[in-house]
Amino acid sequence: MAAVLERQVLELAQYFTIIHHTKGRIRLTVSPNIKKMLKEYKSLSMERAKEFIKKIDGVKEFKLIALLGTVTIIYDENIFDAQLIEDFVNGKNTKQITDFVNAVICKI
């Protein structure tokens, strides 16, 4: 299960690019090609993503603008380590990210 999740995390990461990041706010673009992955993995959806993000300690707000293909995450930098998002997008520290995702999934 962990190997499958890690592969999904790596696959998902390739669809995101950081546009701008300041303390407390990060903005990402989302490739429209993500729809192909969402079709392949039936367990992934925007509803599940929103549910997942609500369970992350320190994340205050999650804004998706589908028309523009952007995601903005407002977070408390004293609680949430935004380096996780940067590592996710850049395909780094995948074991740590997978462990983090598993911990959040357990809260759902």
PDB file of N, CA and C in Angstrom:
ATOM      1  N   MET A   1       0.830  -1.208   0.000  1.00  0.00           N
ATOM      2  CA  MET A   1       0.000   0.000   0.000  1.00  0.00           C
ATOM      3  C   MET A   1       0.864   1.259   0.000  1.00  0.00           C
ATOM      4  N   ALA A   2       1.912   1.292   0.836  1.00  0.00           N
ATOM      5  CA  ALA A   2       2.774   2.474   0.905  1.00  0.00           C
ATOM      6  C   ALA A   2       3.474   2.720  -0.421  1.00  0.00           C
ATOM      7  N   ALA A   3       3.902   1.642  -1.107  1.00  0.00           N
ATOM      8  CA  ALA A   3       4.575   1.798  -2.403  1.00  0.00           C
ATOM      9  C   ALA A   3       3.611   2.360  -3.441  1.00  0.00           C
ATOM     10  N   VAL A   4       2.356   1.904  -3.410  1.00  0.00           N
ATOM     11  CA  VAL A   4       1.347   2.415  -4.336  1.00  0.00           C
ATOM     12  C   VAL A   4       1.092   3.891  -4.054  1.00  0.00           C
ATOM     13  N   LEU A   5       0.946   4.249  -2.779  1.00  0.00           N
ATOM     14  CA  LEU A   5       0.695   5.633  -2.413  1.00  0.00           C
ATOM     15  C   LEU A   5       1.865   6.520  -2.819  1.00  0.00           C
ATOM     16  N   GLU A   6       3.068   6.061  -2.598  1.00  0.00           N
ATOM     17  CA  GLU A   6       4.241   6.856  -2.962  1.00  0.00           C
ATOM     18  C   GLU A   6       4.274   7.088  -4.477  1.00  0.00           C
ATOM     19  N   ARG A   7       3.939   6.060  -5.257  1.00  0.00           N
ATOM     20  CA  ARG A   7       3.901   6.212  -6.713  1.00  0.00           C
ATOM     21  C   ARG A   7       2.824   7.229  -7.110  1.00  0.00           C
ATOM     22  N   GLN A   8       1.655   7.163  -6.462  1.00  0.00           N
ATOM     23  CA  GLN A   8       0.585   8.108  -6.761  1.00  0.00           C
ATOM     24  C   GLN A   8       0.992   9.538  -6.400  1.00  0.00           C
ATOM     25  N   VAL A   9       1.664   9.695  -5.262  1.00  0.00           N
ATOM     26  CA  VAL A   9       2.123  11.017  -4.842  1.00  0.00           C
ATOM     27  C   VAL A   9       3.092  11.583  -5.875  1.00  0.00           C
ATOM     28  N   LEU A  10       4.033  10.748  -6.331  1.00  0.00           N
ATOM     29  CA  LEU A  10       4.996  11.197  -7.343  1.00  0.00           C
ATOM     30  C   LEU A  10       4.311  11.537  -8.662  1.00  0.00           C
ATOM     31  N   GLU A  11       3.351  10.726  -9.055  1.00  0.00           N
ATOM     32  CA  GLU A  11       2.617  10.996 -10.297  1.00  0.00           C
ATOM     33  C   GLU A  11       1.825  12.289 -10.178  1.00  0.00           C
ATOM     34  N   LEU A  12       1.165  12.462  -9.058  1.00  0.00           N
ATOM     35  CA  LEU A  12       0.349  13.655  -8.844  1.00  0.00           C
ATOM     36  C   LEU A  12       1.197  14.922  -8.849  1.00  0.00           C
ATOM     37  N   ALA A  13       2.372  14.846  -8.259  1.00  0.00           N
ATOM     38  CA  ALA A  13       3.255  16.012  -8.138  1.00  0.00           C
ATOM     39  C   ALA A  13       3.627  16.609  -9.488  1.00  0.00           C
ATOM     40  N   GLN A  14       3.733  15.789 -10.507  1.00  0.00           N
ATOM     41  CA  GLN A  14       4.165  16.295 -11.808  1.00  0.00           C
ATOM     42  C   GLN A  14       3.163  17.261 -12.440  1.00  0.00           C
ATOM     43  N   TYR A  15       1.952  17.319 -11.910  1.00  0.00           N
ATOM     44  CA  TYR A  15       0.925  18.193 -12.471  1.00  0.00           C
ATOM     45  C   TYR A  15       0.901  19.576 -11.825  1.00  0.00           C
ATOM     46  N   PHE A  16       1.751  19.802 -10.825  1.00  0.00           N
ATOM     47  CA  PHE A  16       1.761  21.068 -10.099  1.00  0.00           C
ATOM     48  C   PHE A  16       3.064  21.827 -10.305  1.00  0.00           C
ATOM     49  N   THR A  17       2.952  23.154 -10.357  1.00  0.00           N
ATOM     50  CA  THR A  17       4.106  24.036 -10.444  1.00  0.00           C
ATOM     51  C   THR A  17       3.868  25.197  -9.481  1.00  0.00           C
ATOM     52  N   ILE A  18       4.894  25.567  -8.735  1.00  0.00           N
ATOM     53  CA  ILE A  18       4.772  26.706  -7.820  1.00  0.00           C
ATOM     54  C   ILE A  18       4.877  27.996  -8.626  1.00  0.00           C
ATOM     55  N   ILE A  19       3.885  28.859  -8.457  1.00  0.00           N
ATOM     56  CA  ILE A  19       3.883  30.176  -9.098  1.00  0.00           C
ATOM     57  C   ILE A  19       4.533  31.185  -8.157  1.00  0.00           C
ATOM     58  N   HIS A  20       4.097  31.150  -6.904  1.00  0.00           N
ATOM     59  CA  HIS A  20       4.538  32.150  -5.946  1.00  0.00           C
ATOM     60  C   HIS A  20       4.432  31.556  -4.548  1.00  0.00           C
ATOM     61  N   HIS A  21       5.413  31.872  -3.708  1.00  0.00           N
ATOM     62  CA  HIS A  21       5.385  31.389  -2.338  1.00  0.00           C
ATOM     63  C   HIS A  21       5.957  32.441  -1.403  1.00  0.00           C
ATOM     64  N   THR A  22       5.128  32.881  -0.478  1.00  0.00           N
ATOM     65  CA  THR A  22       5.570  33.738   0.607  1.00  0.00           C
ATOM     66  C   THR A  22       5.112  33.084   1.896  1.00  0.00           C
ATOM     67  N   LYS A  23       5.658  33.511   3.030  1.00  0.00           N
ATOM     68  CA  LYS A  23       5.241  32.907   4.305  1.00  0.00           C
ATOM     69  C   LYS A  23       3.738  33.011   4.454  1.00  0.00           C
ATOM     70  N   GLY A  24       3.121  31.876   4.661  1.00  0.00           N
ATOM     71  CA  GLY A  24       1.684  31.840   4.892  1.00  0.00           C
ATOM     72  C   GLY A  24       0.820  31.677   3.656  1.00  0.00           C
ATOM     73  N   ARG A  25       1.423  31.718   2.469  1.00  0.00           N
ATOM     74  CA  ARG A  25       0.623  31.623   1.233  1.00  0.00           C
ATOM     75  C   ARG A  25       1.464  31.031   0.117  1.00  0.00           C
ATOM     76  N   ILE A  26       0.903  30.011  -0.520  1.00  0.00           N
ATOM     77  CA  ILE A  26       1.570  29.420  -1.675  1.00  0.00           C
ATOM     78  C   ILE A  26       0.534  29.261  -2.785  1.00  0.00           C
ATOM     79  N   ARG A  27       0.949  29.600  -3.991  1.00  0.00           N
ATOM     80  CA  ARG A  27       0.051  29.506  -5.151  1.00  0.00           C
ATOM     81  C   ARG A  27       0.690  28.580  -6.174  1.00  0.00           C
ATOM     82  N   LEU A  28      -0.127  27.650  -6.674  1.00  0.00           N
ATOM     83  CA  LEU A  28       0.330  26.630  -7.621  1.00  0.00           C
ATOM     84  C   LEU A  28      -0.518  26.650  -8.877  1.00  0.00           C
ATOM     85  N   THR A  29       0.085  26.265  -9.997  1.00  0.00           N
ATOM     86  CA  THR A  29      -0.709  25.986 -11.183  1.00  0.00           C
ATOM     87  C   THR A  29      -0.936  24.482 -11.231  1.00  0.00           C
ATOM     88  N   VAL A  30      -2.046  24.115 -11.813  1.00  0.00           N
ATOM     89  CA  VAL A  30      -2.397  22.709 -11.972  1.00  0.00           C
ATOM     90  C   VAL A  30      -2.568  22.447 -13.467  1.00  0.00           C
ATOM     91  N   SER A  31      -1.809  21.497 -13.977  1.00  0.00           N
ATOM     92  CA  SER A  31      -1.905  21.158 -15.392  1.00  0.00           C
ATOM     93  C   SER A  31      -3.275  20.561 -15.702  1.00  0.00           C
ATOM     94  N   PRO A  32      -3.873  20.940 -16.818  1.00  0.00           N
ATOM     95  CA  PRO A  32      -5.159  20.341 -17.200  1.00  0.00           C
ATOM     96  C   PRO A  32      -5.037  18.840 -17.458  1.00  0.00           C
ATOM     97  N   ASN A  33      -3.834  18.361 -17.682  1.00  0.00           N
ATOM     98  CA  ASN A  33      -3.623  16.931 -17.909  1.00  0.00           C
ATOM     99  C   ASN A  33      -3.872  16.091 -16.666  1.00  0.00           C
ATOM    100  N   ILE A  34      -4.086  16.729 -15.533  1.00  0.00           N
ATOM    101  CA  ILE A  34      -4.357  15.999 -14.295  1.00  0.00           C
ATOM    102  C   ILE A  34      -5.648  15.180 -14.429  1.00  0.00           C
ATOM    103  N   LYS A  35      -6.524  15.612 -15.324  1.00  0.00           N
ATOM    104  CA  LYS A  35      -7.792  14.898 -15.524  1.00  0.00           C
ATOM    105  C   LYS A  35      -7.551  13.447 -15.932  1.00  0.00           C
ATOM    106  N   LYS A  36      -6.488  13.208 -16.702  1.00  0.00           N
ATOM    107  CA  LYS A  36      -6.154  11.834 -17.108  1.00  0.00           C
ATOM    108  C   LYS A  36      -5.831  10.981 -15.899  1.00  0.00           C
ATOM    109  N   MET A  37      -5.068  11.540 -14.969  1.00  0.00           N
ATOM    110  CA  MET A  37      -4.712  10.788 -13.763  1.00  0.00           C
ATOM    111  C   MET A  37      -5.943  10.542 -12.897  1.00  0.00           C
ATOM    112  N   LEU A  38      -6.807  11.534 -12.797  1.00  0.00           N
ATOM    113  CA  LEU A  38      -8.012  11.378 -11.989  1.00  0.00           C
ATOM    114  C   LEU A  38      -8.915  10.275 -12.540  1.00  0.00           C
ATOM    115  N   LYS A  39      -8.910  10.103 -13.859  1.00  0.00           N
ATOM    116  CA  LYS A  39      -9.681   9.011 -14.456  1.00  0.00           C
ATOM    117  C   LYS A  39      -9.062   7.657 -14.142  1.00  0.00           C
ATOM    118  N   GLU A  40      -7.720   7.615 -14.112  1.00  0.00           N
ATOM    119  CA  GLU A  40      -7.014   6.365 -13.845  1.00  0.00           C
ATOM    120  C   GLU A  40      -7.191   5.914 -12.392  1.00  0.00           C
ATOM    121  N   TYR A  41      -7.112   6.862 -11.472  1.00  0.00           N
ATOM    122  CA  TYR A  41      -7.253   6.555 -10.048  1.00  0.00           C
ATOM    123  C   TYR A  41      -8.630   7.023  -9.590  1.00  0.00           C
ATOM    124  N   LYS A  42      -9.559   6.126  -9.575  1.00  0.00           N
ATOM    125  CA  LYS A  42     -10.940   6.473  -9.222  1.00  0.00           C
ATOM    126  C   LYS A  42     -11.064   6.996  -7.797  1.00  0.00           C
ATOM    127  N   SER A  43     -10.101   6.647  -6.930  1.00  0.00           N
ATOM    128  CA  SER A  43     -10.172   7.086  -5.538  1.00  0.00           C
ATOM    129  C   SER A  43      -9.794   8.554  -5.369  1.00  0.00           C
ATOM    130  N   LEU A  44      -9.234   9.174  -6.408  1.00  0.00           N
ATOM    131  CA  LEU A  44      -8.853  10.584  -6.341  1.00  0.00           C
ATOM    132  C   LEU A  44      -9.957  11.448  -6.945  1.00  0.00           C
ATOM    133  N   SER A  45     -10.274  12.538  -6.266  1.00  0.00           N
ATOM    134  CA  SER A  45     -11.262  13.491  -6.776  1.00  0.00           C
ATOM    135  C   SER A  45     -11.041  14.824  -6.075  1.00  0.00           C
ATOM    136  N   MET A  46     -11.625  15.877  -6.589  1.00  0.00           N
ATOM    137  CA  MET A  46     -11.502  17.192  -5.955  1.00  0.00           C
ATOM    138  C   MET A  46     -12.176  17.186  -4.594  1.00  0.00           C
ATOM    139  N   GLU A  47     -13.279  16.478  -4.478  1.00  0.00           N
ATOM    140  CA  GLU A  47     -13.975  16.409  -3.193  1.00  0.00           C
ATOM    141  C   GLU A  47     -13.089  15.755  -2.142  1.00  0.00           C
ATOM    142  N   ARG A  48     -12.436  14.663  -2.521  1.00  0.00           N
ATOM    143  CA  ARG A  48     -11.530  13.985  -1.582  1.00  0.00           C
ATOM    144  C   ARG A  48     -10.324  14.844  -1.279  1.00  0.00           C
ATOM    145  N   ALA A  49      -9.839  15.590  -2.270  1.00  0.00           N
ATOM    146  CA  ALA A  49      -8.696  16.477  -2.046  1.00  0.00           C
ATOM    147  C   ALA A  49      -9.059  17.569  -1.044  1.00  0.00           C
ATOM    148  N   LYS A  50     -10.234  18.157  -1.192  1.00  0.00           N
ATOM    149  CA  LYS A  50     -10.678  19.190  -0.260  1.00  0.00           C
ATOM    150  C   LYS A  50     -10.844  18.622   1.146  1.00  0.00           C
ATOM    151  N   GLU A  51     -11.415  17.432   1.239  1.00  0.00           N
ATOM    152  CA  GLU A  51     -11.580  16.760   2.529  1.00  0.00           C
ATOM    153  C   GLU A  51     -10.210  16.500   3.167  1.00  0.00           C
ATOM    154  N   PHE A  52      -9.264  16.056   2.351  1.00  0.00           N
ATOM    155  CA  PHE A  52      -7.909  15.782   2.809  1.00  0.00           C
ATOM    156  C   PHE A  52      -7.254  17.058   3.344  1.00  0.00           C
ATOM    157  N   ILE A  53      -7.347  18.130   2.576  1.00  0.00           N
ATOM    158  CA  ILE A  53      -6.689  19.385   2.937  1.00  0.00           C
ATOM    159  C   ILE A  53      -7.276  19.978   4.215  1.00  0.00           C
ATOM    160  N   LYS A  54      -8.584  19.812   4.432  1.00  0.00           N
ATOM    161  CA  LYS A  54      -9.218  20.306   5.653  1.00  0.00           C
ATOM    162  C   LYS A  54      -8.637  19.647   6.902  1.00  0.00           C
ATOM    163  N   LYS A  55      -8.082  18.469   6.759  1.00  0.00           N
ATOM    164  CA  LYS A  55      -7.542  17.721   7.901  1.00  0.00           C
ATOM    165  C   LYS A  55      -6.080  18.049   8.195  1.00  0.00           C
ATOM    166  N   ILE A  56      -5.452  18.889   7.389  1.00  0.00           N
ATOM    167  CA  ILE A  56      -4.044  19.224   7.598  1.00  0.00           C
ATOM    168  C   ILE A  56      -3.944  20.350   8.619  1.00  0.00           C
ATOM    169  N   ASP A  57      -3.262  20.076   9.716  1.00  0.00           N
ATOM    170  CA  ASP A  57      -3.065  21.081  10.753  1.00  0.00           C
ATOM    171  C   ASP A  57      -2.300  22.271  10.193  1.00  0.00           C
ATOM    172  N   GLY A  58      -2.826  23.463  10.443  1.00  0.00           N
ATOM    173  CA  GLY A  58      -2.153  24.682  10.023  1.00  0.00           C
ATOM    174  C   GLY A  58      -2.638  25.246   8.706  1.00  0.00           C
ATOM    175  N   VAL A  59      -3.371  24.466   7.921  1.00  0.00           N
ATOM    176  CA  VAL A  59      -3.903  24.998   6.664  1.00  0.00           C
ATOM    177  C   VAL A  59      -5.198  25.732   6.988  1.00  0.00           C
ATOM    178  N   LYS A  60      -5.206  27.020   6.678  1.00  0.00           N
ATOM    179  CA  LYS A  60      -6.349  27.871   6.988  1.00  0.00           C
ATOM    180  C   LYS A  60      -7.379  27.885   5.864  1.00  0.00           C
ATOM    181  N   GLU A  61      -6.871  27.900   4.635  1.00  0.00           N
ATOM    182  CA  GLU A  61      -7.766  28.054   3.496  1.00  0.00           C
ATOM    183  C   GLU A  61      -7.166  27.391   2.261  1.00  0.00           C
ATOM    184  N   PHE A  62      -8.044  26.840   1.442  1.00  0.00           N
ATOM    185  CA  PHE A  62      -7.662  26.191   0.188  1.00  0.00           C
ATOM    186  C   PHE A  62      -8.586  26.735  -0.878  1.00  0.00           C
ATOM    187  N   LYS A  63      -8.004  27.411  -1.872  1.00  0.00           N
ATOM    188  CA  LYS A  63      -8.821  27.986  -2.949  1.00  0.00           C
ATOM    189  C   LYS A  63      -8.417  27.358  -4.274  1.00  0.00           C
ATOM    190  N   LEU A  64      -9.383  26.797  -4.955  1.00  0.00           N
ATOM    191  CA  LEU A  64      -9.169  26.241  -6.287  1.00  0.00           C
ATOM    192  C   LEU A  64      -9.921  27.111  -7.280  1.00  0.00           C
ATOM    193  N   ILE A  65      -9.206  27.581  -8.279  1.00  0.00           N
ATOM    194  CA  ILE A  65      -9.843  28.320  -9.370  1.00  0.00           C
ATOM    195  C   ILE A  65      -9.663  27.449 -10.611  1.00  0.00           C
ATOM    196  N   ALA A  66     -10.665  26.617 -10.865  1.00  0.00           N
ATOM    197  CA  ALA A  66     -10.580  25.628 -11.938  1.00  0.00           C
ATOM    198  C   ALA A  66     -10.397  26.279 -13.303  1.00  0.00           C
ATOM    199  N   LEU A  67     -11.064  27.394 -13.528  1.00  0.00           N
ATOM    200  CA  LEU A  67     -10.981  28.075 -14.819  1.00  0.00           C
ATOM    201  C   LEU A  67      -9.540  28.479 -15.146  1.00  0.00           C
ATOM    202  N   LEU A  68      -8.805  28.926 -14.125  1.00  0.00           N
ATOM    203  CA  LEU A  68      -7.414  29.336 -14.318  1.00  0.00           C
ATOM    204  C   LEU A  68      -6.425  28.199 -14.066  1.00  0.00           C
ATOM    205  N   GLY A  69      -6.899  27.139 -13.436  1.00  0.00           N
ATOM    206  CA  GLY A  69      -6.011  26.028 -13.110  1.00  0.00           C
ATOM    207  C   GLY A  69      -5.018  26.386 -12.020  1.00  0.00           C
ATOM    208  N   THR A  70      -5.506  27.096 -10.998  1.00  0.00           N
ATOM    209  CA  THR A  70      -4.622  27.471  -9.899  1.00  0.00           C
ATOM    210  C   THR A  70      -5.186  27.022  -8.563  1.00  0.00           C
ATOM    211  N   VAL A  71      -4.271  26.797  -7.638  1.00  0.00           N
ATOM    212  CA  VAL A  71      -4.612  26.453  -6.264  1.00  0.00           C
ATOM    213  C   VAL A  71      -3.830  27.418  -5.378  1.00  0.00           C
ATOM    214  N   THR A  72      -4.520  28.005  -4.411  1.00  0.00           N
ATOM    215  CA  THR A  72      -3.861  28.845  -3.415  1.00  0.00           C
ATOM    216  C   THR A  72      -4.118  28.226  -2.056  1.00  0.00           C
ATOM    217  N   ILE A  73      -3.047  28.074  -1.292  1.00  0.00           N
ATOM    218  CA  ILE A  73      -3.147  27.524   0.059  1.00  0.00           C
ATOM    219  C   ILE A  73      -2.643  28.581   1.021  1.00  0.00           C
ATOM    220  N   ILE A  74      -3.515  28.954   1.951  1.00  0.00           N
ATOM    221  CA  ILE A  74      -3.167  29.892   3.017  1.00  0.00           C
ATOM    222  C   ILE A  74      -2.911  29.032   4.254  1.00  0.00           C
ATOM    223  N   TYR A  75      -1.761  29.230   4.892  1.00  0.00           N
ATOM    224  CA  TYR A  75      -1.411  28.372   6.026  1.00  0.00           C
ATOM    225  C   TYR A  75      -0.743  29.176   7.135  1.00  0.00           C
ATOM    226  N   ASP A  76      -0.771  28.612   8.325  1.00  0.00           N
ATOM    227  CA  ASP A  76      -0.087  29.190   9.477  1.00  0.00           C
ATOM    228  C   ASP A  76       1.331  28.637   9.472  1.00  0.00           C
ATOM    229  N   GLU A  77       2.309  29.495   9.194  1.00  0.00           N
ATOM    230  CA  GLU A  77       3.699  29.036   9.066  1.00  0.00           C
ATOM    231  C   GLU A  77       4.278  28.522  10.381  1.00  0.00           C
ATOM    232  N   ASN A  78       3.617  28.807  11.508  1.00  0.00           N
ATOM    233  CA  ASN A  78       4.070  28.297  12.797  1.00  0.00           C
ATOM    234  C   ASN A  78       3.595  26.868  13.046  1.00  0.00           C
ATOM    235  N   ILE A  79       2.623  26.420  12.271  1.00  0.00           N
ATOM    236  CA  ILE A  79       2.068  25.073  12.452  1.00  0.00           C
ATOM    237  C   ILE A  79       2.402  24.159  11.276  1.00  0.00           C
ATOM    238  N   PHE A  80       2.226  24.671  10.072  1.00  0.00           N
ATOM    239  CA  PHE A  80       2.413  23.855   8.869  1.00  0.00           C
ATOM    240  C   PHE A  80       3.747  24.169   8.218  1.00  0.00           C
ATOM    241  N   ASP A  81       4.510  23.128   7.917  1.00  0.00           N
ATOM    242  CA  ASP A  81       5.800  23.276   7.251  1.00  0.00           C
ATOM    243  C   ASP A  81       5.576  23.254   5.739  1.00  0.00           C
ATOM    244  N   ALA A  82       5.593  24.426   5.134  1.00  0.00           N
ATOM    245  CA  ALA A  82       5.325  24.550   3.700  1.00  0.00           C
ATOM    246  C   ALA A  82       6.410  23.920   2.848  1.00  0.00           C
ATOM    247  N   GLN A  83       7.531  23.583   3.444  1.00  0.00           N
ATOM    248  CA  GLN A  83       8.584  22.883   2.698  1.00  0.00           C
ATOM    249  C   GLN A  83       8.040  21.566   2.143  1.00  0.00           C
ATOM    250  N   LEU A  84       7.051  20.990   2.824  1.00  0.00           N
ATOM    251  CA  LEU A  84       6.417  19.760   2.326  1.00  0.00           C
ATOM    252  C   LEU A  84       5.802  19.976   0.946  1.00  0.00           C
ATOM    253  N   ILE A  85       5.155  21.122   0.747  1.00  0.00           N
ATOM    254  CA  ILE A  85       4.548  21.404  -0.557  1.00  0.00           C
ATOM    255  C   ILE A  85       5.638  21.580  -1.607  1.00  0.00           C
ATOM    256  N   GLU A  86       6.667  22.323  -1.253  1.00  0.00           N
ATOM    257  CA  GLU A  86       7.762  22.520  -2.201  1.00  0.00           C
ATOM    258  C   GLU A  86       8.428  21.194  -2.552  1.00  0.00           C
ATOM    259  N   ASP A  87       8.664  20.364  -1.547  1.00  0.00           N
ATOM    260  CA  ASP A  87       9.254  19.043  -1.801  1.00  0.00           C
ATOM    261  C   ASP A  87       8.335  18.187  -2.662  1.00  0.00           C
ATOM    262  N   PHE A  88       7.033  18.242  -2.386  1.00  0.00           N
ATOM    263  CA  PHE A  88       6.055  17.489  -3.170  1.00  0.00           C
ATOM    264  C   PHE A  88       6.132  17.886  -4.641  1.00  0.00           C
ATOM    265  N   VAL A  89       6.069  19.185  -4.908  1.00  0.00           N
ATOM    266  CA  VAL A  89       6.083  19.684  -6.287  1.00  0.00           C
ATOM    267  C   VAL A  89       7.399  19.344  -6.982  1.00  0.00           C
ATOM    268  N   ASN A  90       8.492  19.363  -6.237  1.00  0.00           N
ATOM    269  CA  ASN A  90       9.808  19.106  -6.810  1.00  0.00           C
ATOM    270  C   ASN A  90      10.224  17.637  -6.759  1.00  0.00           C
ATOM    271  N   GLY A  91       9.344  16.767  -6.269  1.00  0.00           N
ATOM    272  CA  GLY A  91       9.636  15.336  -6.231  1.00  0.00           C
ATOM    273  C   GLY A  91      10.740  14.959  -5.254  1.00  0.00           C
ATOM    274  N   LYS A  92      10.881  15.712  -4.170  1.00  0.00           N
ATOM    275  CA  LYS A  92      11.911  15.446  -3.162  1.00  0.00           C
ATOM    276  C   LYS A  92      11.280  14.877  -1.892  1.00  0.00           C
ATOM    277  N   ASN A  93      12.091  14.176  -1.100  1.00  0.00           N
ATOM    278  CA  ASN A  93      11.668  13.646   0.200  1.00  0.00           C
ATOM    279  C   ASN A  93      10.335  12.893   0.117  1.00  0.00           C
ATOM    280  N   THR A  94      10.209  12.045  -0.874  1.00  0.00           N
ATOM    281  CA  THR A  94       8.936  11.361  -1.115  1.00  0.00           C
ATOM    282  C   THR A  94       8.523  10.465   0.045  1.00  0.00           C
ATOM    283  N   LYS A  95       9.460   9.877   0.736  1.00  0.00           N
ATOM    284  CA  LYS A  95       9.125   9.030   1.896  1.00  0.00           C
ATOM    285  C   LYS A  95       8.470   9.892   2.978  1.00  0.00           C
ATOM    286  N   GLN A  96       9.032  11.048   3.264  1.00  0.00           N
ATOM    287  CA  GLN A  96       8.479  11.946   4.274  1.00  0.00           C
ATOM    288  C   GLN A  96       7.081  12.420   3.850  1.00  0.00           C
ATOM    289  N   ILE A  97       6.924  12.740   2.589  1.00  0.00           N
ATOM    290  CA  ILE A  97       5.627  13.210   2.094  1.00  0.00           C
ATOM    291  C   ILE A  97       4.598  12.089   2.155  1.00  0.00           C
ATOM    292  N   THR A  98       5.001  10.889   1.766  1.00  0.00           N
ATOM    293  CA  THR A  98       4.093   9.747   1.829  1.00  0.00           C
ATOM    294  C   THR A  98       3.668   9.474   3.263  1.00  0.00           C
ATOM    295  N   ASP A  99       4.598   9.538   4.196  1.00  0.00           N
ATOM    296  CA  ASP A  99       4.267   9.349   5.615  1.00  0.00           C
ATOM    297  C   ASP A  99       3.289  10.419   6.082  1.00  0.00           C
ATOM    298  N   PHE A 100       3.508  11.665   5.645  1.00  0.00           N
ATOM    299  CA  PHE A 100       2.617  12.758   5.995  1.00  0.00           C
ATOM    300  C   PHE A 100       1.207  12.510   5.443  1.00  0.00           C
ATOM    301  N   VAL A 101       1.133  12.121   4.181  1.00  0.00           N
ATOM    302  CA  VAL A 101      -0.161  11.840   3.540  1.00  0.00           C
ATOM    303  C   VAL A 101      -0.874  10.712   4.280  1.00  0.00           C
ATOM    304  N   ASN A 102      -0.149   9.645   4.600  1.00  0.00           N
ATOM    305  CA  ASN A 102      -0.756   8.537   5.352  1.00  0.00           C
ATOM    306  C   ASN A 102      -1.304   8.996   6.691  1.00  0.00           C
ATOM    307  N   ALA A 103      -0.562   9.853   7.396  1.00  0.00           N
ATOM    308  CA  ALA A 103      -1.016  10.354   8.702  1.00  0.00           C
ATOM    309  C   ALA A 103      -2.299  11.176   8.560  1.00  0.00           C
ATOM    310  N   VAL A 104      -2.378  12.002   7.514  1.00  0.00           N
ATOM    311  CA  VAL A 104      -3.584  12.802   7.297  1.00  0.00           C
ATOM    312  C   VAL A 104      -4.750  11.908   6.895  1.00  0.00           C
ATOM    313  N   ILE A 105      -4.502  10.914   6.068  1.00  0.00           N
ATOM    314  CA  ILE A 105      -5.565  10.000   5.647  1.00  0.00           C
ATOM    315  C   ILE A 105      -6.167   9.296   6.851  1.00  0.00           C
ATOM    316  N   CYS A 106      -5.366   8.983   7.834  1.00  0.00           N
ATOM    317  CA  CYS A 106      -5.862   8.326   9.047  1.00  0.00           C
ATOM    318  C   CYS A 106      -6.853   9.209   9.807  1.00  0.00           C
ATOM    319  N   LYS A 107      -6.788  10.532   9.617  1.00  0.00           N
ATOM    320  CA  LYS A 107      -7.716  11.464  10.276  1.00  0.00           C
ATOM    321  C   LYS A 107      -9.072  11.529   9.585  1.00  0.00           C
ATOM    322  N   ILE A 108      -9.099  11.101   8.326  1.00  0.00           N
ATOM    323  CA  ILE A 108     -10.330  11.210   7.510  1.00  0.00           C
ATOM    324  C   ILE A 108     -11.313  10.123   7.898  1.00  0.00           C
TER     325      ILE A 108
END
